[in-house]
């Protein structure tokens, strides 16, 4: 709480623990978009430990054509609630 000029301002800051999982083709079942069991379990355990898991699968990255698209993609994945965030 910050008190300034006799007015009370409340700030609610939220902090998240983020686990960024960048998954290459070896982490998926052959010719599918389904994670292997150990990878799915890893993400479940991270969630149980309180992490916000952000998955970056290879098949989404391969569709991007430029660095700008990559940066925009990562911003959308990491900050989905803040559409207008710019670095």
N, C-alpha and C. Protein backbone atom coordinates (compact mmCIF):
# COMPACT_ATOMS: atom_id res chain seq x y z
N UNK A 1 0.83 -1.17 0.00
CA UNK A 1 0.00 0.00 0.00
C UNK A 1 0.88 1.24 0.00
N UNK A 2 0.54 2.18 -0.85
CA UNK A 2 1.29 3.44 -0.92
C UNK A 2 0.36 4.57 -0.51
N UNK A 3 0.82 5.40 0.40
CA UNK A 3 0.01 6.55 0.82
C UNK A 3 0.68 7.81 0.28
N UNK A 4 -0.09 8.56 -0.51
CA UNK A 4 0.45 9.76 -1.13
C UNK A 4 -0.65 10.82 -1.13
N UNK A 5 -0.36 11.98 -0.59
CA UNK A 5 -1.33 13.08 -0.51
C UNK A 5 -2.64 12.64 0.13
N UNK A 6 -2.53 11.89 1.21
CA UNK A 6 -3.67 11.42 1.98
C UNK A 6 -4.60 10.49 1.20
N UNK A 7 -4.18 10.02 0.07
CA UNK A 7 -4.98 9.06 -0.69
C UNK A 7 -4.29 7.71 -0.63
N UNK A 8 -5.07 6.67 -0.49
CA UNK A 8 -4.50 5.35 -0.44
C UNK A 8 -4.60 4.71 -1.82
N UNK A 9 -3.48 4.25 -2.31
CA UNK A 9 -3.45 3.56 -3.60
C UNK A 9 -3.07 2.11 -3.34
N UNK A 10 -3.84 1.20 -3.82
CA UNK A 10 -3.53 -0.21 -3.66
C UNK A 10 -2.98 -0.75 -4.97
N UNK A 11 -1.86 -1.42 -4.88
CA UNK A 11 -1.27 -2.06 -6.05
C UNK A 11 -1.29 -3.55 -5.83
N UNK A 12 -1.82 -4.24 -6.78
CA UNK A 12 -1.85 -5.69 -6.71
C UNK A 12 -0.91 -6.23 -7.79
N UNK A 13 0.29 -6.61 -7.37
CA UNK A 13 1.25 -7.16 -8.31
C UNK A 13 1.21 -8.67 -8.21
N UNK A 14 1.17 -9.31 -9.35
CA UNK A 14 1.18 -10.76 -9.37
C UNK A 14 2.45 -11.24 -10.03
N UNK A 15 3.08 -12.19 -9.40
CA UNK A 15 4.29 -12.78 -9.95
C UNK A 15 4.03 -14.26 -10.21
N UNK A 16 4.52 -14.73 -11.32
CA UNK A 16 4.33 -16.12 -11.70
C UNK A 16 5.67 -16.78 -11.93
N UNK A 17 5.74 -18.02 -11.57
CA UNK A 17 6.90 -18.82 -11.93
C UNK A 17 6.57 -19.46 -13.26
N UNK A 18 7.39 -19.21 -14.24
CA UNK A 18 7.13 -19.67 -15.60
C UNK A 18 8.16 -20.72 -15.99
N UNK A 19 7.65 -21.82 -16.55
CA UNK A 19 8.53 -22.85 -17.12
C UNK A 19 8.31 -22.83 -18.63
N UNK A 20 9.34 -22.52 -19.36
CA UNK A 20 9.27 -22.46 -20.82
C UNK A 20 9.76 -23.80 -21.37
N UNK A 21 8.87 -24.56 -21.97
CA UNK A 21 9.21 -25.88 -22.52
C UNK A 21 9.29 -25.78 -24.03
N UNK A 22 10.50 -25.80 -24.55
CA UNK A 22 10.71 -25.74 -25.99
C UNK A 22 10.88 -27.17 -26.47
N UNK A 23 9.89 -27.68 -27.18
CA UNK A 23 9.83 -29.10 -27.52
C UNK A 23 10.18 -29.35 -28.98
N UNK A 24 11.26 -30.10 -29.19
CA UNK A 24 11.66 -30.48 -30.54
C UNK A 24 10.93 -31.77 -30.95
N UNK A 25 11.09 -32.23 -32.19
CA UNK A 25 10.36 -33.41 -32.67
C UNK A 25 10.62 -34.67 -31.84
N UNK A 26 11.78 -34.79 -31.20
CA UNK A 26 12.10 -35.98 -30.42
C UNK A 26 11.25 -36.12 -29.16
N UNK A 27 10.54 -35.09 -28.78
CA UNK A 27 9.72 -35.12 -27.57
C UNK A 27 8.26 -35.48 -27.87
N UNK A 28 7.99 -35.79 -29.12
CA UNK A 28 6.62 -36.14 -29.53
C UNK A 28 6.60 -37.56 -30.08
N UNK A 29 5.44 -38.19 -30.00
CA UNK A 29 5.28 -39.49 -30.63
C UNK A 29 5.49 -39.33 -32.13
N UNK A 30 5.96 -40.36 -32.77
CA UNK A 30 6.31 -40.32 -34.18
C UNK A 30 5.12 -39.88 -35.04
N UNK A 31 5.33 -38.85 -35.86
CA UNK A 31 4.34 -38.32 -36.80
C UNK A 31 3.05 -37.84 -36.13
N UNK A 32 3.14 -37.38 -34.89
CA UNK A 32 1.96 -36.85 -34.20
C UNK A 32 2.34 -35.55 -33.48
N UNK A 33 1.34 -34.93 -32.89
CA UNK A 33 1.55 -33.74 -32.07
C UNK A 33 1.31 -34.07 -30.60
N UNK A 34 1.46 -35.35 -30.24
CA UNK A 34 1.25 -35.80 -28.87
C UNK A 34 2.59 -35.97 -28.16
N UNK A 35 2.73 -35.29 -27.02
CA UNK A 35 3.97 -35.40 -26.25
C UNK A 35 4.18 -36.83 -25.76
N UNK A 36 5.44 -37.22 -25.68
CA UNK A 36 5.77 -38.50 -25.07
C UNK A 36 5.39 -38.45 -23.59
N UNK A 37 5.20 -39.62 -23.01
CA UNK A 37 4.77 -39.70 -21.61
C UNK A 37 5.67 -38.95 -20.64
N UNK A 38 6.99 -39.10 -20.80
CA UNK A 38 7.90 -38.43 -19.86
C UNK A 38 7.82 -36.92 -19.97
N UNK A 39 7.57 -36.42 -21.17
CA UNK A 39 7.46 -34.97 -21.35
C UNK A 39 6.15 -34.45 -20.77
N UNK A 40 5.07 -35.18 -20.98
CA UNK A 40 3.78 -34.79 -20.41
C UNK A 40 3.85 -34.82 -18.88
N UNK A 41 4.53 -35.84 -18.33
CA UNK A 41 4.68 -35.95 -16.88
C UNK A 41 5.52 -34.79 -16.34
N UNK A 42 6.56 -34.41 -17.07
CA UNK A 42 7.39 -33.28 -16.64
C UNK A 42 6.54 -32.02 -16.53
N UNK A 43 5.70 -31.78 -17.52
CA UNK A 43 4.85 -30.59 -17.49
C UNK A 43 3.84 -30.66 -16.35
N UNK A 44 3.28 -31.86 -16.10
CA UNK A 44 2.35 -32.02 -14.97
C UNK A 44 3.06 -31.72 -13.65
N UNK A 45 4.27 -32.22 -13.48
CA UNK A 45 5.01 -31.98 -12.25
C UNK A 45 5.33 -30.49 -12.08
N UNK A 46 5.69 -29.83 -13.16
CA UNK A 46 5.95 -28.40 -13.08
C UNK A 46 4.70 -27.63 -12.64
N UNK A 47 3.55 -28.02 -13.17
CA UNK A 47 2.30 -27.37 -12.77
C UNK A 47 2.02 -27.62 -11.28
N UNK A 48 2.25 -28.85 -10.83
CA UNK A 48 2.04 -29.17 -9.42
C UNK A 48 2.97 -28.37 -8.51
N UNK A 49 4.14 -28.02 -9.01
CA UNK A 49 5.09 -27.21 -8.24
C UNK A 49 4.77 -25.72 -8.31
N UNK A 50 3.70 -25.37 -9.02
CA UNK A 50 3.26 -23.98 -9.06
C UNK A 50 3.73 -23.18 -10.25
N UNK A 51 4.32 -23.83 -11.23
CA UNK A 51 4.78 -23.13 -12.43
C UNK A 51 3.64 -22.97 -13.43
N UNK A 52 3.69 -21.87 -14.15
CA UNK A 52 2.84 -21.68 -15.32
C UNK A 52 3.65 -22.21 -16.50
N UNK A 53 3.19 -23.32 -17.09
CA UNK A 53 3.95 -23.97 -18.16
C UNK A 53 3.55 -23.39 -19.51
N UNK A 54 4.55 -22.92 -20.24
CA UNK A 54 4.35 -22.39 -21.59
C UNK A 54 5.06 -23.34 -22.55
N UNK A 55 4.28 -24.01 -23.39
CA UNK A 55 4.85 -24.97 -24.33
C UNK A 55 5.10 -24.29 -25.68
N UNK A 56 6.30 -24.48 -26.19
CA UNK A 56 6.70 -23.97 -27.51
C UNK A 56 7.05 -25.18 -28.36
N UNK A 57 6.09 -25.73 -29.10
CA UNK A 57 6.38 -26.92 -29.91
C UNK A 57 7.03 -26.56 -31.24
N UNK A 58 7.86 -27.46 -31.71
CA UNK A 58 8.62 -27.24 -32.94
C UNK A 58 7.70 -26.95 -34.13
N UNK A 59 6.56 -27.61 -34.20
CA UNK A 59 5.69 -27.46 -35.37
C UNK A 59 5.04 -26.08 -35.47
N UNK A 60 4.97 -25.35 -34.36
CA UNK A 60 4.49 -23.97 -34.43
C UNK A 60 5.63 -23.03 -34.83
N UNK A 61 6.83 -23.30 -34.35
CA UNK A 61 8.00 -22.47 -34.68
C UNK A 61 8.32 -22.58 -36.17
N UNK A 62 8.18 -23.78 -36.73
CA UNK A 62 8.52 -23.99 -38.15
C UNK A 62 7.66 -23.16 -39.10
N UNK A 63 6.47 -22.75 -38.66
CA UNK A 63 5.57 -21.97 -39.50
C UNK A 63 5.96 -20.49 -39.59
N UNK A 64 6.80 -20.04 -38.67
CA UNK A 64 7.17 -18.62 -38.63
C UNK A 64 8.23 -18.32 -39.69
N UNK A 65 8.09 -17.16 -40.31
CA UNK A 65 8.94 -16.82 -41.45
C UNK A 65 10.04 -15.81 -41.15
N UNK A 66 9.94 -15.10 -40.02
CA UNK A 66 10.94 -14.08 -39.72
C UNK A 66 11.15 -13.96 -38.22
N UNK A 67 12.18 -13.23 -37.86
CA UNK A 67 12.44 -12.99 -36.44
C UNK A 67 11.32 -12.17 -35.80
N UNK A 68 10.77 -11.25 -36.56
CA UNK A 68 9.67 -10.43 -36.04
C UNK A 68 8.49 -11.32 -35.69
N UNK A 69 8.16 -12.25 -36.57
CA UNK A 69 7.06 -13.19 -36.29
C UNK A 69 7.38 -14.04 -35.07
N UNK A 70 8.65 -14.43 -34.92
CA UNK A 70 9.05 -15.24 -33.77
C UNK A 70 8.88 -14.45 -32.48
N UNK A 71 9.31 -13.20 -32.47
CA UNK A 71 9.17 -12.36 -31.28
C UNK A 71 7.70 -12.16 -30.93
N UNK A 72 6.88 -11.88 -31.94
CA UNK A 72 5.44 -11.70 -31.70
C UNK A 72 4.81 -12.99 -31.17
N UNK A 73 5.22 -14.12 -31.73
CA UNK A 73 4.72 -15.42 -31.27
C UNK A 73 5.07 -15.64 -29.80
N UNK A 74 6.33 -15.40 -29.44
CA UNK A 74 6.76 -15.59 -28.06
C UNK A 74 6.05 -14.63 -27.11
N UNK A 75 5.82 -13.41 -27.55
CA UNK A 75 5.07 -12.46 -26.72
C UNK A 75 3.65 -12.97 -26.47
N UNK A 76 3.01 -13.48 -27.52
CA UNK A 76 1.65 -14.02 -27.35
C UNK A 76 1.63 -15.21 -26.40
N UNK A 77 2.64 -16.07 -26.49
CA UNK A 77 2.69 -17.25 -25.64
C UNK A 77 3.00 -16.88 -24.18
N UNK A 78 3.95 -15.94 -23.99
CA UNK A 78 4.36 -15.59 -22.64
C UNK A 78 3.42 -14.60 -21.95
N UNK A 79 2.81 -13.72 -22.72
CA UNK A 79 1.94 -12.69 -22.16
C UNK A 79 0.58 -12.69 -22.85
N UNK A 80 -0.18 -13.78 -22.75
CA UNK A 80 -1.46 -13.85 -23.48
C UNK A 80 -2.48 -12.81 -23.03
N UNK A 81 -2.41 -12.36 -21.78
CA UNK A 81 -3.38 -11.39 -21.27
C UNK A 81 -3.02 -9.97 -21.64
N UNK A 82 -1.81 -9.72 -22.10
CA UNK A 82 -1.37 -8.36 -22.44
C UNK A 82 -1.02 -8.32 -23.93
N UNK A 83 -2.02 -8.16 -24.73
CA UNK A 83 -1.86 -8.22 -26.18
C UNK A 83 -0.93 -7.13 -26.70
N UNK A 84 -0.95 -5.95 -26.11
CA UNK A 84 -0.19 -4.84 -26.63
C UNK A 84 1.22 -4.69 -26.08
N UNK A 85 1.74 -5.69 -25.41
CA UNK A 85 3.08 -5.59 -24.81
C UNK A 85 4.14 -5.54 -25.91
N UNK A 86 5.04 -4.61 -25.79
CA UNK A 86 6.16 -4.47 -26.75
C UNK A 86 7.46 -4.47 -25.99
N UNK A 87 8.50 -5.09 -26.56
CA UNK A 87 9.83 -5.09 -25.93
C UNK A 87 10.67 -4.03 -26.57
